[in-house]
N, C-alpha and C. Protein backbone atom coordinates (compact mmCIF):
# COMPACT_ATOMS: atom_id res chain seq x y z
N UNK A 1 0.94 -1.37 -0.06
CA UNK A 1 0.11 0.11 -0.06
C UNK A 1 0.60 1.26 0.11
N UNK A 2 2.10 1.22 0.34
CA UNK A 2 3.19 2.23 -0.17
C UNK A 2 2.70 3.29 0.73
N UNK A 3 2.49 2.99 2.04
CA UNK A 3 2.34 4.11 3.04
C UNK A 3 1.35 5.10 2.55
N UNK A 4 0.16 4.72 2.08
CA UNK A 4 -1.14 5.57 1.90
C UNK A 4 -2.10 5.52 2.81
N UNK A 5 -2.35 6.98 3.12
CA UNK A 5 -3.57 7.16 4.25
C UNK A 5 -4.74 6.60 3.59
N UNK A 6 -5.19 5.73 4.73
CA UNK A 6 -6.68 5.48 4.41
C UNK A 6 -7.64 6.54 4.80
N UNK A 7 -8.40 6.79 4.12
CA UNK A 7 -9.62 7.90 4.65
C UNK A 7 -10.76 7.49 4.27
N UNK A 8 -11.88 7.79 4.91
CA UNK A 8 -13.37 7.25 4.99
C UNK A 8 -13.91 8.38 3.98
N UNK A 9 -15.28 8.28 3.64
CA UNK A 9 -16.03 8.95 2.46
C UNK A 9 -16.39 10.40 3.03
N UNK A 10 -16.22 10.54 4.16
CA UNK A 10 -16.24 11.91 4.66
C UNK A 10 -15.30 12.32 5.63
N UNK A 11 -14.43 13.43 5.30
CA UNK A 11 -13.28 13.93 6.32
C UNK A 11 -12.96 15.20 6.72
N UNK A 12 -12.19 15.75 7.35
CA UNK A 12 -12.13 16.97 7.49
C UNK A 12 -10.86 17.29 7.09
N UNK A 13 -10.61 18.52 6.59
CA UNK A 13 -9.49 19.11 5.71
C UNK A 13 -9.18 20.57 6.08
N UNK A 14 -8.00 20.83 5.68
CA UNK A 14 -7.62 22.29 5.80
C UNK A 14 -7.17 22.88 4.53
N UNK A 15 -7.65 23.97 4.12
CA UNK A 15 -7.35 24.71 2.98
C UNK A 15 -6.33 25.98 3.40
N UNK A 16 -5.27 25.73 3.92
CA UNK A 16 -4.38 26.87 4.82
C UNK A 16 -4.29 28.10 3.96
N UNK A 17 -3.91 27.80 2.50
CA UNK A 17 -3.66 29.19 1.78
C UNK A 17 -4.88 29.88 1.88
N UNK A 18 -6.11 29.44 1.80
CA UNK A 18 -7.41 30.03 1.94
C UNK A 18 -8.00 30.65 3.25
N UNK A 19 -7.12 30.21 4.37
CA UNK A 19 -7.62 30.52 5.37
C UNK A 19 -8.88 29.84 6.00
N UNK A 20 -9.15 28.29 5.32
CA UNK A 20 -10.27 27.55 5.62
C UNK A 20 -9.72 26.39 6.45
N UNK A 21 -10.00 26.08 7.92
CA UNK A 21 -9.60 25.02 8.52
C UNK A 21 -10.90 24.23 8.82
N UNK A 22 -10.43 22.85 9.05
CA UNK A 22 -11.50 21.94 9.55
C UNK A 22 -12.83 21.61 8.90
N UNK A 23 -12.96 21.80 7.51
CA UNK A 23 -13.60 21.80 6.45
C UNK A 23 -14.39 20.40 6.24
N UNK A 24 -15.48 20.00 6.55
CA UNK A 24 -15.99 18.59 6.45
C UNK A 24 -16.05 18.44 4.55
N UNK A 25 -15.18 17.42 4.13
CA UNK A 25 -15.43 17.43 2.35
C UNK A 25 -16.08 15.86 2.23
N UNK A 26 -16.60 15.85 1.36
CA UNK A 26 -17.16 14.57 0.95
C UNK A 26 -15.99 13.97 -0.10
N UNK A 27 -15.53 12.75 -0.05
CA UNK A 27 -14.60 11.90 -0.72
C UNK A 27 -15.32 11.42 -1.77
N UNK A 28 -15.12 11.56 -3.06
CA UNK A 28 -15.87 11.19 -4.57
C UNK A 28 -14.92 10.56 -5.33
N UNK A 29 -14.49 9.27 -5.24
CA UNK A 29 -13.70 8.80 -6.35
C UNK A 29 -14.22 8.62 -7.56
N UNK A 30 -15.87 9.20 -7.69
CA UNK A 30 -16.36 8.99 -9.01
C UNK A 30 -15.95 10.43 -9.92
N UNK A 31 -15.65 11.45 -8.88
CA UNK A 31 -15.58 12.99 -9.41
C UNK A 31 -13.96 13.16 -9.84
N UNK A 32 -13.53 13.41 -10.80
CA UNK A 32 -12.15 13.66 -11.47
C UNK A 32 -11.52 15.07 -10.58
N UNK A 33 -12.32 16.08 -10.68
CA UNK A 33 -11.88 17.19 -9.94
C UNK A 33 -12.57 17.21 -8.92
N UNK A 34 -11.68 17.92 -7.80
CA UNK A 34 -12.39 18.53 -6.45
C UNK A 34 -13.36 20.01 -6.93
N UNK A 35 -14.14 20.01 -6.01
CA UNK A 35 -14.93 21.18 -6.09
C UNK A 35 -15.23 22.11 -4.74
N UNK A 36 -15.29 23.16 -4.91
CA UNK A 36 -15.60 24.03 -3.69
C UNK A 36 -16.73 24.87 -3.89
N UNK A 37 -17.92 24.96 -2.80
CA UNK A 37 -18.91 25.82 -2.69
C UNK A 37 -18.45 27.32 -2.82
N UNK A 38 -18.45 28.40 -3.37
CA UNK A 38 -18.25 29.61 -2.98
C UNK A 38 -19.36 30.55 -3.49
N UNK A 39 -19.50 31.61 -2.51
CA UNK A 39 -20.53 32.79 -2.79
C UNK A 39 -20.00 34.07 -3.46
N UNK A 40 -20.54 34.97 -4.05
CA UNK A 40 -20.05 36.31 -4.19
C UNK A 40 -18.51 36.06 -5.17
N UNK A 41 -18.56 35.15 -6.25
CA UNK A 41 -17.40 34.93 -7.11
C UNK A 41 -17.31 36.36 -7.77
N UNK A 42 -16.05 36.70 -7.82
CA UNK A 42 -15.84 37.60 -8.92
C UNK A 42 -14.40 37.61 -9.37
N UNK A 43 -14.14 38.04 -10.50
CA UNK A 43 -12.58 38.10 -11.36
C UNK A 43 -12.28 39.44 -11.27
N UNK A 44 -10.91 39.87 -11.01
CA UNK A 44 -10.34 40.71 -11.21
C UNK A 44 -8.74 40.50 -11.47
N UNK A 45 -8.02 41.37 -11.79
CA UNK A 45 -6.36 41.62 -12.27
C UNK A 45 -5.92 42.12 -11.06
N UNK A 46 -4.53 41.13 -10.76
CA UNK A 46 -3.77 41.75 -9.93
C UNK A 46 -2.36 41.33 -10.37
N UNK A 47 -1.74 42.66 -10.52
CA UNK A 47 -0.36 42.76 -11.42
C UNK A 47 -0.59 42.03 -12.84
N UNK A 48 -1.46 42.39 -13.27
CA UNK A 48 -1.74 41.94 -14.86
C UNK A 48 -2.10 40.64 -15.09
N UNK A 49 -2.56 39.87 -13.98
CA UNK A 49 -2.88 38.59 -13.74
C UNK A 49 -4.35 38.27 -13.48
N UNK A 50 -4.83 37.24 -14.13
CA UNK A 50 -6.26 36.90 -13.66
C UNK A 50 -6.50 36.47 -12.10
N UNK A 51 -7.25 36.99 -11.37
CA UNK A 51 -7.39 36.35 -10.00
C UNK A 51 -8.84 36.20 -9.61
N UNK A 52 -9.08 35.47 -8.94
CA UNK A 52 -10.62 35.61 -8.34
C UNK A 52 -10.73 35.82 -6.86
N UNK A 53 -11.91 36.42 -6.31
CA UNK A 53 -12.14 36.70 -5.07
C UNK A 53 -13.58 36.02 -4.57
N UNK A 54 -13.68 35.42 -3.44
CA UNK A 54 -14.73 34.90 -3.32
C UNK A 54 -15.24 34.66 -1.81
N UNK A 55 -16.26 34.25 -1.49
CA UNK A 55 -16.55 33.99 -0.14
C UNK A 55 -16.79 32.63 0.19
N UNK A 56 -16.62 32.17 1.50
CA UNK A 56 -16.87 30.64 1.77
C UNK A 56 -17.71 30.83 3.31
N UNK A 57 -18.61 29.97 3.70
CA UNK A 57 -19.06 30.10 4.99
C UNK A 57 -18.80 28.44 5.29
N UNK A 58 -17.53 28.37 6.17
CA UNK A 58 -16.93 26.99 6.42
C UNK A 58 -17.54 26.25 7.33
N UNK A 59 -18.49 26.93 8.08
CA UNK A 59 -19.04 26.08 9.26
C UNK A 59 -20.65 26.22 9.12
N UNK A 60 -21.07 25.12 8.57
CA UNK A 60 -22.54 24.97 8.44
C UNK A 60 -23.56 25.51 9.52
N UNK A 61 -22.76 25.49 10.92
CA UNK A 61 -23.55 25.81 12.12
C UNK A 61 -23.33 27.04 12.27
N UNK A 62 -22.78 27.65 12.03
CA UNK A 62 -22.33 29.47 12.13
C UNK A 62 -22.32 30.08 10.85
N UNK A 63 -23.57 30.33 9.83
CA UNK A 63 -23.65 30.45 8.67
C UNK A 63 -23.29 32.24 8.89
N UNK A 64 -23.32 32.63 9.63
CA UNK A 64 -22.69 34.24 9.78
C UNK A 64 -20.98 34.32 9.34
N UNK A 65 -20.56 33.15 9.89
CA UNK A 65 -19.09 33.31 9.67
C UNK A 65 -18.61 32.92 8.14
N UNK A 66 -17.71 34.27 7.71
CA UNK A 66 -17.72 34.13 6.19
C UNK A 66 -16.15 34.48 6.23
N UNK A 67 -15.66 33.68 5.38
CA UNK A 67 -14.17 33.87 5.00
C UNK A 67 -13.90 34.10 3.53
N UNK A 68 -13.13 35.28 3.69
CA UNK A 68 -13.25 35.91 1.94
C UNK A 68 -11.60 35.43 1.73
N UNK A 69 -11.72 35.20 0.55
CA UNK A 69 -10.64 34.43 -0.27
C UNK A 69 -10.11 35.17 -1.41
N UNK A 70 -8.75 35.04 -1.79
CA UNK A 70 -8.64 35.58 -3.11
C UNK A 70 -7.19 34.27 -3.39
N UNK A 71 -7.58 34.24 -5.02
CA UNK A 71 -6.45 33.08 -5.38
C UNK A 71 -5.96 33.44 -7.06
N UNK A 72 -5.15 33.67 -7.34
CA UNK A 72 -4.89 33.42 -8.90
C UNK A 72 -5.79 32.04 -9.88
N UNK A 73 -6.03 32.84 -10.91
CA UNK A 73 -6.97 31.32 -11.75
C UNK A 73 -5.95 30.95 -12.65
N UNK A 74 -5.74 29.45 -12.44
CA UNK A 74 -5.10 28.61 -12.90
C UNK A 74 -5.48 28.14 -14.33
N UNK A 75 -7.04 27.96 -14.56
CA UNK A 75 -7.77 27.63 -15.75
C UNK A 75 -9.32 28.01 -15.55
N UNK A 76 -9.48 27.84 -16.68
CA UNK A 76 -11.17 27.93 -16.81
C UNK A 76 -11.56 26.39 -17.68
N UNK A 77 -12.39 25.67 -17.09
CA UNK A 77 -12.88 24.59 -17.52
C UNK A 77 -13.86 24.14 -17.48
N UNK A 78 -14.65 23.52 -18.68
CA UNK A 78 -15.76 23.14 -18.77
C UNK A 78 -16.41 21.88 -17.76
N UNK A 79 -16.84 21.89 -17.24
CA UNK A 79 -17.36 20.53 -16.02
C UNK A 79 -18.61 20.18 -16.37
N UNK A 80 -18.66 18.99 -16.21
CA UNK A 80 -20.25 18.25 -16.36
C UNK A 80 -20.53 17.83 -14.98
N UNK A 81 -21.49 18.29 -14.21
CA UNK A 81 -21.86 18.15 -12.88
C UNK A 81 -22.55 16.81 -12.86
N UNK A 82 -22.87 16.13 -11.75
CA UNK A 82 -23.27 14.80 -11.11
C UNK A 82 -24.73 14.72 -12.21
N UNK A 83 -25.60 15.95 -12.09
CA UNK A 83 -26.69 16.03 -12.71
C UNK A 83 -26.97 16.32 -14.32
N UNK A 84 -25.71 16.02 -14.89
CA UNK A 84 -25.56 16.09 -16.47
C UNK A 84 -25.25 17.58 -16.72
N UNK A 85 -25.34 18.58 -15.87
CA UNK A 85 -25.27 20.10 -16.57
C UNK A 85 -23.55 20.31 -16.89
N UNK A 86 -23.59 21.21 -17.87
CA UNK A 86 -21.95 21.47 -18.30
C UNK A 86 -22.15 23.08 -17.99
N UNK A 87 -20.97 23.63 -17.11
CA UNK A 87 -20.92 24.72 -16.78
C UNK A 87 -19.57 24.82 -16.75
N UNK A 88 -19.05 26.31 -17.28
CA UNK A 88 -17.66 26.73 -16.99
C UNK A 88 -17.18 27.14 -15.76
N UNK A 89 -16.23 26.62 -15.05
CA UNK A 89 -16.04 27.04 -13.90
C UNK A 89 -14.23 27.54 -13.59
N UNK A 90 -14.10 28.46 -12.88
CA UNK A 90 -12.58 28.95 -12.64
C UNK A 90 -11.98 27.67 -12.05
N UNK A 91 -10.68 27.59 -11.92
CA UNK A 91 -9.93 26.55 -11.34
C UNK A 91 -8.83 27.34 -10.85
N UNK A 92 -8.40 26.99 -9.12
CA UNK A 92 -7.67 27.51 -8.54
C UNK A 92 -6.77 26.32 -8.32
N UNK A 93 -5.57 26.73 -7.76
CA UNK A 93 -4.39 25.87 -7.10
C UNK A 93 -4.47 26.18 -5.59
N UNK A 94 -4.44 25.32 -4.94
CA UNK A 94 -4.32 25.43 -3.49
C UNK A 94 -3.65 24.49 -2.75
N UNK A 95 -3.09 24.33 -1.53
CA UNK A 95 -3.04 23.60 -0.54
C UNK A 95 -3.80 22.85 0.33
N UNK A 96 -3.73 21.51 0.32
CA UNK A 96 -4.77 20.86 0.94
C UNK A 96 -4.13 20.13 2.21
N UNK A 97 -4.43 19.93 3.16
CA UNK A 97 -3.97 19.07 4.53
C UNK A 97 -5.02 18.34 4.88
N UNK A 98 -4.93 16.91 4.69
CA UNK A 98 -5.52 15.74 5.28
C UNK A 98 -4.65 15.22 6.26
N UNK A 99 -5.31 14.85 7.30
CA UNK A 99 -4.27 14.13 8.32
C UNK A 99 -2.97 14.80 8.64
N UNK A 100 -1.99 14.31 8.80
CA UNK A 100 -0.69 14.75 8.80
C UNK A 100 -0.05 15.38 7.57
N UNK A 101 -0.58 15.02 6.46
CA UNK A 101 -0.12 15.52 5.24
C UNK A 101 -0.67 16.47 4.44
N UNK A 102 0.20 17.27 3.58
CA UNK A 102 -0.11 18.41 2.80
C UNK A 102 0.19 18.22 1.55
N UNK A 103 -0.42 18.91 0.63
CA UNK A 103 -0.18 18.85 -0.86
C UNK A 103 -0.92 19.66 -1.87
N UNK A 104 -0.47 20.10 -2.84
CA UNK A 104 -1.18 20.83 -3.61
C UNK A 104 -2.22 20.36 -4.77
N UNK A 105 -3.28 20.87 -4.60
CA UNK A 105 -4.32 20.43 -5.48
C UNK A 105 -5.29 21.25 -6.48
N UNK A 106 -5.96 21.04 -7.48
CA UNK A 106 -6.57 21.95 -8.11
C UNK A 106 -8.26 21.87 -7.91
N UNK A 107 -8.83 22.88 -7.43
CA UNK A 107 -9.91 23.10 -7.10
C UNK A 107 -10.99 23.70 -8.18
N UNK A 108 -12.15 23.40 -8.60
CA UNK A 108 -13.01 24.09 -9.38
C UNK A 108 -14.03 24.88 -8.44
N UNK A 109 -14.30 26.08 -8.48
CA UNK A 109 -15.27 26.87 -7.74
C UNK A 109 -16.55 26.96 -8.43
N UNK A 110 -17.43 26.80 -7.63
CA UNK A 110 -18.83 26.54 -8.18
C UNK A 110 -20.00 26.68 -7.16
N UNK A 111 -21.17 26.68 -7.42
CA UNK A 111 -22.49 26.59 -6.25
C UNK A 111 -22.65 25.36 -6.12
N UNK A 112 -22.59 24.94 -4.72
CA UNK A 112 -22.89 23.53 -4.19
C UNK A 112 -23.84 23.67 -3.02
N UNK A 113 -24.55 24.83 -3.33
CA UNK A 113 -25.74 24.92 -2.18
C UNK A 113 -26.64 23.98 -1.99
N UNK A 114 -27.00 23.05 -2.90
CA UNK A 114 -27.69 22.20 -3.03
C UNK A 114 -27.26 21.06 -2.85
N UNK A 115 -25.92 20.78 -2.29
CA UNK A 115 -25.38 19.59 -1.82
C UNK A 115 -24.98 19.93 -0.45
N UNK A 116 -24.92 18.56 0.42
CA UNK A 116 -24.84 18.60 1.48
C UNK A 116 -23.61 18.84 2.11
N UNK A 117 -22.43 18.85 1.25
CA UNK A 117 -21.18 19.18 1.78
C UNK A 117 -20.20 20.41 1.00
N UNK A 118 -19.71 21.34 1.32
CA UNK A 118 -19.33 22.54 0.62
C UNK A 118 -18.19 22.12 -0.41
N UNK A 119 -17.33 21.07 -0.01
CA UNK A 119 -16.46 20.43 -0.93
C UNK A 119 -16.44 19.14 -1.17
N UNK A 120 -16.36 18.80 -2.56
CA UNK A 120 -16.14 17.52 -3.05
C UNK A 120 -14.64 17.34 -3.37
N UNK A 121 -14.16 16.01 -2.76
CA UNK A 121 -12.47 16.14 -3.16
C UNK A 121 -12.60 14.60 -4.07
N UNK A 122 -12.17 15.05 -5.35
CA UNK A 122 -12.04 14.20 -6.36
C UNK A 122 -10.73 13.47 -6.63
N UNK A 123 -10.65 12.55 -7.58
CA UNK A 123 -9.58 11.51 -7.74
C UNK A 123 -8.22 12.45 -8.16
N UNK A 124 -8.19 13.57 -8.80
CA UNK A 124 -7.30 13.99 -9.13
C UNK A 124 -6.42 14.62 -7.86
N UNK A 125 -7.34 15.21 -6.85
CA UNK A 125 -6.78 15.75 -5.59
C UNK A 125 -6.37 14.61 -4.78
N UNK A 126 -6.82 13.52 -5.03
CA UNK A 126 -6.29 12.45 -4.06
C UNK A 126 -5.09 11.80 -4.52
N UNK A 127 -4.61 12.06 -5.88
CA UNK A 127 -3.67 11.25 -6.57
C UNK A 127 -3.38 9.92 -6.12
N UNK A 128 -2.24 9.81 -5.66
CA UNK A 128 -1.35 8.39 -5.29
C UNK A 128 -1.32 8.51 -3.68
N UNK A 129 -1.92 9.32 -3.09
CA UNK A 129 -1.61 9.67 -1.57
C UNK A 129 -2.60 8.97 -0.73
N UNK A 130 -4.14 8.55 -1.31
CA UNK A 130 -4.73 7.73 -0.27
C UNK A 130 -5.54 6.71 -0.76
N UNK A 131 -6.07 5.99 0.03
CA UNK A 131 -7.21 4.82 -0.24
C UNK A 131 -8.31 5.25 0.66
N UNK A 132 -9.31 4.82 0.06
CA UNK A 132 -10.73 5.29 0.35
C UNK A 132 -11.36 4.29 0.68
N UNK A 133 -11.75 4.30 2.02
CA UNK A 133 -12.69 3.13 2.56
C UNK A 133 -14.13 3.52 2.70
N UNK A 134 -14.66 3.19 1.55
CA UNK A 134 -16.30 3.90 1.76
C UNK A 134 -17.30 3.72 2.83
N UNK A 135 -16.78 2.58 3.79
CA UNK A 135 -17.81 2.53 4.77
C UNK A 135 -17.76 3.22 6.03
N UNK A 136 -16.37 3.88 5.86
CA UNK A 136 -16.03 4.74 7.16
C UNK A 136 -16.33 6.10 6.86
N UNK A 137 -16.19 6.85 7.98
CA UNK A 137 -15.94 8.30 7.94
C UNK A 137 -15.22 8.73 9.21
N UNK A 138 -14.59 9.83 8.67
CA UNK A 138 -13.71 10.86 9.68
C UNK A 138 -12.41 9.71 10.24
N UNK A 139 -12.03 8.99 9.19
CA UNK A 139 -10.77 8.28 9.80
C UNK A 139 -9.75 8.87 10.57
N UNK A 140 -9.50 10.16 9.84
CA UNK A 140 -8.20 10.83 10.21
C UNK A 140 -8.44 12.03 11.43
N UNK A 141 -9.73 11.98 11.70
CA UNK A 141 -10.20 12.86 13.05
C UNK A 141 -9.76 12.04 14.12
N UNK A 142 -9.22 12.75 15.29
CA UNK A 142 -9.10 12.10 16.36
C UNK A 142 -9.83 12.42 17.37
N UNK A 143 -10.99 11.52 17.83
CA UNK A 143 -11.92 12.33 18.63
C UNK A 143 -11.61 11.88 20.31
N UNK A 144 -10.62 11.37 20.48
CA UNK A 144 -10.10 10.72 21.71
C UNK A 144 -9.83 12.03 22.71
């Protein structure tokens, strides 16, 4: 297993570059790309390069808590969602921390307000670092 970490179908992760910590994410091996629910998404230029500004409410129990984020745009991609609709999404690159490990992933920014989790963690983000136990949740969280 090459020391891969075993994760459940729901885990907590950090996106430290964005100032987002302890975010519950849905692990989805059927999704190629990871996606993040954002509000008030806008594009702007910084030093001549395209950037995005957006907000996220990382704690579903404290909706008034808002984190404002900024990130350079890596790409714009046409993504087909689980319901079959195709939309263009901004893609950003950011660090993700799961358990004791951190690595860079690409995330598409979208409206996931009709979904249960703010972030979907897809195959490309997992790379060769994890194995998924679909019958378990929060394998990386220490509640002891």
